[in-house]
């Protein structure tokens, strides 16, 4: 860790900050005058990320913490470490994600793609809400994906942990479904946050990073074909940073930004009964008390 975070400067927490969109977002937030807590998967990545960001931080302060967000105990430990590191959180950008090529469950019994892309950010957000660490005007930003168009969600019986995919796994469909569930949960949370707080979703579009290649499976092939049309992480970071820093965000709480521009979320996210069901099922699956609307 480096230095102390002044109480008069805004503080942003960015998960998945070891590279790609997460690190580019952290860099742009530092340039915008915020201090940053960069969250990576392991201690080695945390230290390398801290050094990389601090070298270009100007007058900003960088902390780096690590947590394996596939593990609920690690998410809880991250919440505890944040309380010991920063006086408050003004911005939380839930960026960490992955599209796993095959079916497997975490130690907690959830399908991995759903655990990392939906359950972990939901849990971390609610831990910070419960602890009172969020600033009164905090902004919570969830990174979404174009692949929500590939989602296949049973709206009558939404599977928020993803275990129903064990015998019919499809990388693109499962990833898209996990991201769609995240959009639904974000829409529900918007109606439950304390007055003054806001939550948004940001879809950066297709990125020129190692995300697709590391994912393997069909996503690796998509990266090979579509790389020429993909945006750089630096350009794609514009959307999350705009939501984090604009005096008046360009979309309402619960709204969606696509490639830096306001967009209409999928129609299913406007189904109040479904968003409530997804929100409450997720809270129950995680053993978290849901917030009343």
Protein backbone atom coordinates (compact mmCIF):
# COMPACT_ATOMS: atom_id res chain seq x y z
CA UNK A 1 0.00 0.00 0.00
CA UNK A 2 1.04 3.57 -0.59
CA UNK A 3 0.27 6.58 1.56
CA UNK A 4 -2.96 7.60 3.21
CA UNK A 5 -6.09 8.60 1.37
CA UNK A 6 -7.06 12.18 2.24
CA UNK A 7 -10.60 12.53 3.53
CA UNK A 8 -11.27 15.41 1.13
CA UNK A 9 -10.61 13.39 -2.05
CA UNK A 10 -13.06 11.01 -3.67
CA UNK A 11 -12.15 7.35 -3.51
CA UNK A 12 -12.94 4.72 -6.12
CA UNK A 13 -12.71 0.94 -5.75
CA UNK A 14 -12.16 -0.95 -9.02
CA UNK A 15 -12.29 -4.75 -9.13
CA UNK A 16 -10.50 -6.70 -11.84
CA UNK A 17 -7.87 -3.95 -12.03
CA UNK A 18 -4.82 -6.04 -12.92
CA UNK A 19 -5.15 -5.22 -16.61
CA UNK A 20 -7.49 -4.48 -19.48
CA UNK A 21 -10.59 -2.40 -18.82
CA UNK A 22 -10.15 -2.42 -15.04
CA UNK A 23 -6.66 -0.96 -15.09
CA UNK A 24 -7.55 1.54 -17.82
CA UNK A 25 -10.55 2.65 -15.75
CA UNK A 26 -8.38 3.05 -12.66
CA UNK A 27 -5.88 5.14 -14.63
CA UNK A 28 -8.59 7.45 -15.94
CA UNK A 29 -10.10 7.85 -12.48
CA UNK A 30 -6.71 8.86 -11.11
CA UNK A 31 -6.35 11.37 -13.94
CA UNK A 32 -9.77 12.74 -13.00
CA UNK A 33 -8.56 13.46 -9.47
CA UNK A 34 -9.83 10.42 -7.55
CA UNK A 35 -7.79 8.13 -5.34
CA UNK A 36 -8.08 4.46 -6.24
CA UNK A 37 -8.21 1.09 -4.55
CA UNK A 38 -7.32 -1.47 -7.22
CA UNK A 39 -8.54 -5.01 -6.52
CA UNK A 40 -6.79 -7.96 -8.15
CA UNK A 41 -7.04 -11.71 -7.74
CA UNK A 42 -3.74 -12.36 -5.95
CA UNK A 43 -1.03 -10.59 -3.96
CA UNK A 44 1.53 -10.63 -6.77
CA UNK A 45 -0.92 -9.03 -9.18
CA UNK A 46 -1.90 -6.48 -6.55
CA UNK A 47 1.65 -5.26 -6.04
CA UNK A 48 2.39 -5.10 -9.78
CA UNK A 49 -0.85 -3.19 -10.36
CA UNK A 50 -0.15 -0.78 -7.52
CA UNK A 51 3.26 0.04 -8.92
CA UNK A 52 1.97 0.46 -12.46
CA UNK A 53 -0.84 2.78 -11.39
CA UNK A 54 1.21 4.74 -8.87
CA UNK A 55 3.85 5.50 -11.48
CA UNK A 56 1.18 7.39 -13.44
CA UNK A 57 -0.99 8.60 -10.57
CA UNK A 58 0.14 12.22 -10.50
CA UNK A 59 -0.91 13.44 -7.07
CA UNK A 60 -3.33 10.56 -6.49
CA UNK A 61 -2.98 7.75 -3.99
CA UNK A 62 -3.21 4.10 -4.98
CA UNK A 63 -3.92 1.15 -2.75
CA UNK A 64 -4.06 -2.42 -4.04
CA UNK A 65 -5.93 -5.27 -2.39
CA UNK A 66 -6.39 -8.83 -3.53
CA UNK A 67 -9.24 -11.30 -3.31
CA UNK A 68 -10.35 -14.37 -5.24
CA UNK A 69 -13.88 -13.21 -5.94
CA UNK A 70 -14.97 -16.76 -6.77
CA UNK A 71 -14.81 -17.42 -3.03
CA UNK A 72 -17.41 -15.81 -0.78
CA UNK A 73 -15.00 -15.83 2.15
CA UNK A 74 -12.58 -13.78 0.05
CA UNK A 75 -15.33 -11.30 -0.86
CA UNK A 76 -16.11 -10.92 2.83
CA UNK A 77 -12.43 -10.48 3.66
CA UNK A 78 -12.16 -7.82 0.96
CA UNK A 79 -15.03 -5.92 2.56
CA UNK A 80 -13.20 -6.05 5.89
CA UNK A 81 -9.92 -4.86 4.36
CA UNK A 82 -11.66 -1.97 2.63
CA UNK A 83 -13.05 -0.83 5.97
CA UNK A 84 -9.50 -0.82 7.32
CA UNK A 85 -8.05 0.94 4.28
CA UNK A 86 -10.35 3.81 3.30
CA UNK A 87 -12.54 6.26 5.22
CA UNK A 88 -15.37 5.72 2.72
CA UNK A 89 -16.10 4.56 -0.83
CA UNK A 90 -17.41 7.17 -3.25
CA UNK A 91 -17.34 4.95 -6.33
CA UNK A 92 -17.47 1.16 -6.66
CA UNK A 93 -16.85 -0.25 -10.13
CA UNK A 94 -17.68 -3.95 -10.25
CA UNK A 95 -15.56 -4.79 -13.26
CA UNK A 96 -14.07 -8.22 -12.47
CA UNK A 97 -15.48 -10.95 -14.66
CA UNK A 98 -14.76 -14.02 -16.74
CA UNK A 99 -16.45 -16.31 -19.24
CA UNK A 100 -15.41 -19.84 -18.31
CA UNK A 101 -15.28 -22.38 -21.15
CA UNK A 102 -16.91 -25.26 -19.30
CA UNK A 103 -19.15 -26.06 -16.35
CA UNK A 104 -17.72 -26.16 -12.84
CA UNK A 105 -18.88 -24.96 -9.48
CA UNK A 106 -17.13 -22.93 -6.82
CA UNK A 107 -16.41 -24.11 -3.30
CA UNK A 108 -19.69 -22.41 -2.34
CA UNK A 109 -21.70 -24.43 -4.87
CA UNK A 110 -22.41 -21.80 -7.55
CA UNK A 111 -21.54 -22.07 -11.25
CA UNK A 112 -18.29 -20.15 -11.77
CA UNK A 113 -19.49 -17.65 -14.39
CA UNK A 114 -22.48 -16.65 -12.28
CA UNK A 115 -20.37 -16.57 -9.13
CA UNK A 116 -17.83 -14.11 -10.51
CA UNK A 117 -20.02 -11.94 -12.74
CA UNK A 118 -23.14 -11.70 -10.58
CA UNK A 119 -22.90 -13.11 -7.07
CA UNK A 120 -19.54 -11.56 -6.10
CA UNK A 121 -20.42 -7.95 -7.06
CA UNK A 122 -23.85 -8.32 -5.47
CA UNK A 123 -22.28 -9.55 -2.24
CA UNK A 124 -19.54 -6.91 -2.14
CA UNK A 125 -22.01 -4.10 -2.84
CA UNK A 126 -24.31 -5.23 -0.05
CA UNK A 127 -21.45 -5.70 2.41
CA UNK A 128 -20.39 -2.09 1.85
CA UNK A 129 -23.99 -0.91 2.16
CA UNK A 130 -24.45 -2.82 5.42
CA UNK A 131 -21.20 -1.48 6.87
CA UNK A 132 -22.04 2.13 6.04
CA UNK A 133 -18.80 2.53 4.08
CA UNK A 134 -20.45 4.08 1.04
CA UNK A 135 -20.56 7.87 0.86
CA UNK A 136 -24.02 9.40 0.96
CA UNK A 137 -23.77 10.17 -2.76
CA UNK A 138 -21.91 7.01 -3.76
CA UNK A 139 -22.07 5.62 -7.27
CA UNK A 140 -22.06 1.89 -7.96
CA UNK A 141 -21.24 0.82 -11.52
CA UNK A 142 -21.63 -2.69 -12.92
CA UNK A 143 -19.78 -3.60 -16.10
CA UNK A 144 -22.11 -5.36 -18.52
CA UNK A 145 -21.63 -6.97 -21.95
CA UNK A 146 -22.99 -7.16 -25.50
CA UNK A 147 -23.51 -10.85 -24.85
CA UNK A 148 -26.68 -10.21 -22.82
CA UNK A 149 -28.26 -10.69 -26.24
CA UNK A 150 -27.29 -14.39 -25.97
CA UNK A 151 -28.93 -14.83 -22.57
CA UNK A 152 -31.47 -17.56 -21.94
CA UNK A 153 -33.23 -16.86 -18.66
CA UNK A 154 -36.30 -18.71 -17.42
CA UNK A 155 -38.28 -15.68 -16.28
CA UNK A 156 -40.70 -17.90 -14.38
CA UNK A 157 -37.92 -19.56 -12.40
CA UNK A 158 -34.72 -17.48 -12.69
CA UNK A 159 -31.59 -19.44 -11.81
CA UNK A 160 -29.34 -16.87 -10.14
CA UNK A 161 -26.56 -19.31 -9.20
CA UNK A 162 -26.27 -20.95 -12.62
CA UNK A 163 -26.31 -24.54 -11.40
CA UNK A 164 -29.04 -25.44 -13.89
CA UNK A 165 -26.46 -25.27 -16.69
CA UNK A 166 -24.60 -28.42 -15.57
CA UNK A 167 -25.87 -30.62 -18.42
CA UNK A 168 -26.34 -28.01 -21.19
CA UNK A 169 -23.44 -25.61 -20.79
CA UNK A 170 -22.74 -23.03 -23.49
CA UNK A 171 -20.01 -20.49 -22.78
CA UNK A 172 -21.59 -17.56 -24.63
CA UNK A 173 -25.11 -18.25 -23.37
CA UNK A 174 -24.10 -18.77 -19.74
CA UNK A 175 -21.92 -15.63 -19.70
CA UNK A 176 -24.68 -13.59 -21.35
CA UNK A 177 -27.23 -14.93 -18.89
CA UNK A 178 -25.05 -14.08 -15.89
CA UNK A 179 -24.62 -10.54 -17.23
CA UNK A 180 -28.38 -10.22 -17.86
CA UNK A 181 -29.09 -11.31 -14.30
CA UNK A 182 -26.67 -8.59 -13.21
CA UNK A 183 -28.68 -6.01 -15.17
CA UNK A 184 -31.88 -7.19 -13.51
CA UNK A 185 -30.31 -7.00 -10.06
CA UNK A 186 -28.98 -3.51 -10.81
CA UNK A 187 -32.44 -2.33 -11.82
CA UNK A 188 -33.86 -3.73 -8.58
CA UNK A 189 -31.11 -2.19 -6.45
CA UNK A 190 -31.77 1.26 -7.91
CA UNK A 191 -35.16 1.28 -6.20
CA UNK A 192 -33.65 0.18 -2.88
CA UNK A 193 -30.64 2.44 -2.41
CA UNK A 194 -30.71 5.27 0.10
CA UNK A 195 -31.61 8.65 -1.36
CA UNK A 196 -28.54 10.22 -2.97
CA UNK A 197 -26.86 6.97 -4.00
CA UNK A 198 -26.98 5.77 -7.61
CA UNK A 199 -26.31 2.52 -9.44
CA UNK A 200 -25.65 2.14 -13.17
CA UNK A 201 -24.63 -0.45 -15.72
CA UNK A 202 -21.96 0.22 -18.35
CA UNK A 203 -21.49 -1.96 -21.43
CA UNK A 204 -18.09 -1.15 -22.99
CA UNK A 205 -18.71 -3.23 -26.12
CA UNK A 206 -16.07 -5.56 -27.59
CA UNK A 207 -12.62 -4.81 -26.21
CA UNK A 208 -9.11 -5.37 -27.47
CA UNK A 209 -7.83 -7.10 -24.35
CA UNK A 210 -6.80 -10.58 -23.32
CA UNK A 211 -10.26 -11.29 -21.87
CA UNK A 212 -11.60 -13.31 -24.80
CA UNK A 213 -8.37 -15.16 -25.48
CA UNK A 214 -7.96 -16.16 -21.84
CA UNK A 215 -11.56 -17.36 -21.74
CA UNK A 216 -10.86 -20.03 -24.35
CA UNK A 217 -13.75 -21.75 -26.11
CA UNK A 218 -15.88 -19.81 -28.62
CA UNK A 219 -14.88 -16.47 -27.12
CA UNK A 220 -11.27 -17.04 -28.16
CA UNK A 221 -12.38 -17.54 -31.75
CA UNK A 222 -14.53 -14.41 -31.60
CA UNK A 223 -11.50 -12.43 -30.42
CA UNK A 224 -9.43 -13.69 -33.34
CA UNK A 225 -12.10 -12.68 -35.87
CA UNK A 226 -13.34 -9.45 -34.31
CA UNK A 227 -10.13 -7.96 -32.94
CA UNK A 228 -9.84 -5.38 -35.69
CA UNK A 229 -13.18 -3.87 -34.71
CA UNK A 230 -12.64 -3.94 -30.96
CA UNK A 231 -12.08 -0.84 -28.85
CA UNK A 232 -8.97 -0.26 -26.78
CA UNK A 233 -9.39 -0.52 -23.00
CA UNK A 234 -8.48 3.17 -22.71
CA UNK A 235 -11.32 4.17 -25.02
CA UNK A 236 -13.81 1.73 -23.47
CA UNK A 237 -13.08 3.07 -19.98
CA UNK A 238 -14.79 6.32 -20.96
CA UNK A 239 -18.23 4.94 -20.07
CA UNK A 240 -17.56 3.75 -16.50
CA UNK A 241 -15.47 6.85 -15.77
CA UNK A 242 -18.21 9.15 -17.09
CA UNK A 243 -20.74 7.50 -14.79
CA UNK A 244 -18.31 7.81 -11.89
CA UNK A 245 -17.32 11.44 -12.38
CA UNK A 246 -20.04 13.39 -14.21
CA UNK A 247 -21.76 15.98 -12.04
CA UNK A 248 -25.02 14.66 -13.48
CA UNK A 249 -24.71 11.13 -14.89
CA UNK A 250 -26.15 10.79 -18.40
CA UNK A 251 -28.53 7.98 -17.42
CA UNK A 252 -30.85 7.63 -14.41
CA UNK A 253 -30.12 5.34 -11.49
CA UNK A 254 -30.58 1.80 -12.72
CA UNK A 255 -29.88 2.93 -16.29
CA UNK A 256 -27.48 1.62 -18.92
CA UNK A 257 -24.61 3.22 -20.83
CA UNK A 258 -23.39 1.41 -23.98
CA UNK A 259 -20.03 2.45 -25.43
CA UNK A 260 -20.27 5.71 -23.50
CA UNK A 261 -23.78 6.59 -24.68
CA UNK A 262 -27.18 6.29 -22.97
CA UNK A 263 -29.04 3.19 -24.13
CA UNK A 264 -32.34 1.47 -23.52
CA UNK A 265 -31.84 -1.62 -21.34
CA UNK A 266 -33.38 -4.93 -22.45
CA UNK A 267 -37.16 -4.90 -22.02
CA UNK A 268 -36.96 -7.70 -19.45
CA UNK A 269 -35.16 -5.34 -17.03
CA UNK A 270 -38.31 -3.22 -16.88
CA UNK A 271 -40.34 -6.14 -15.50
CA UNK A 272 -40.61 -5.06 -11.85
CA UNK A 273 -41.79 -8.47 -10.67
CA UNK A 274 -38.88 -10.23 -12.35
CA UNK A 275 -36.23 -7.79 -11.12
CA UNK A 276 -37.60 -8.17 -7.61
CA UNK A 277 -37.55 -11.97 -7.90
CA UNK A 278 -33.95 -11.99 -9.15
CA UNK A 279 -32.87 -9.58 -6.43
CA UNK A 280 -34.54 -11.50 -3.61
CA UNK A 281 -33.38 -14.92 -4.87
CA UNK A 282 -29.81 -13.65 -5.06
CA UNK A 283 -29.97 -12.26 -1.54
CA UNK A 284 -31.33 -15.57 -0.24
CA UNK A 285 -28.67 -17.57 -2.10
CA UNK A 286 -25.98 -15.46 -0.46
CA UNK A 287 -27.56 -15.34 2.98
CA UNK A 288 -27.92 -11.57 2.78
CA UNK A 289 -30.85 -9.60 4.13
CA UNK A 290 -32.54 -7.95 1.12
CA UNK A 291 -33.12 -4.21 1.16
CA UNK A 292 -36.77 -3.20 1.01
CA UNK A 293 -37.87 -1.18 -2.00
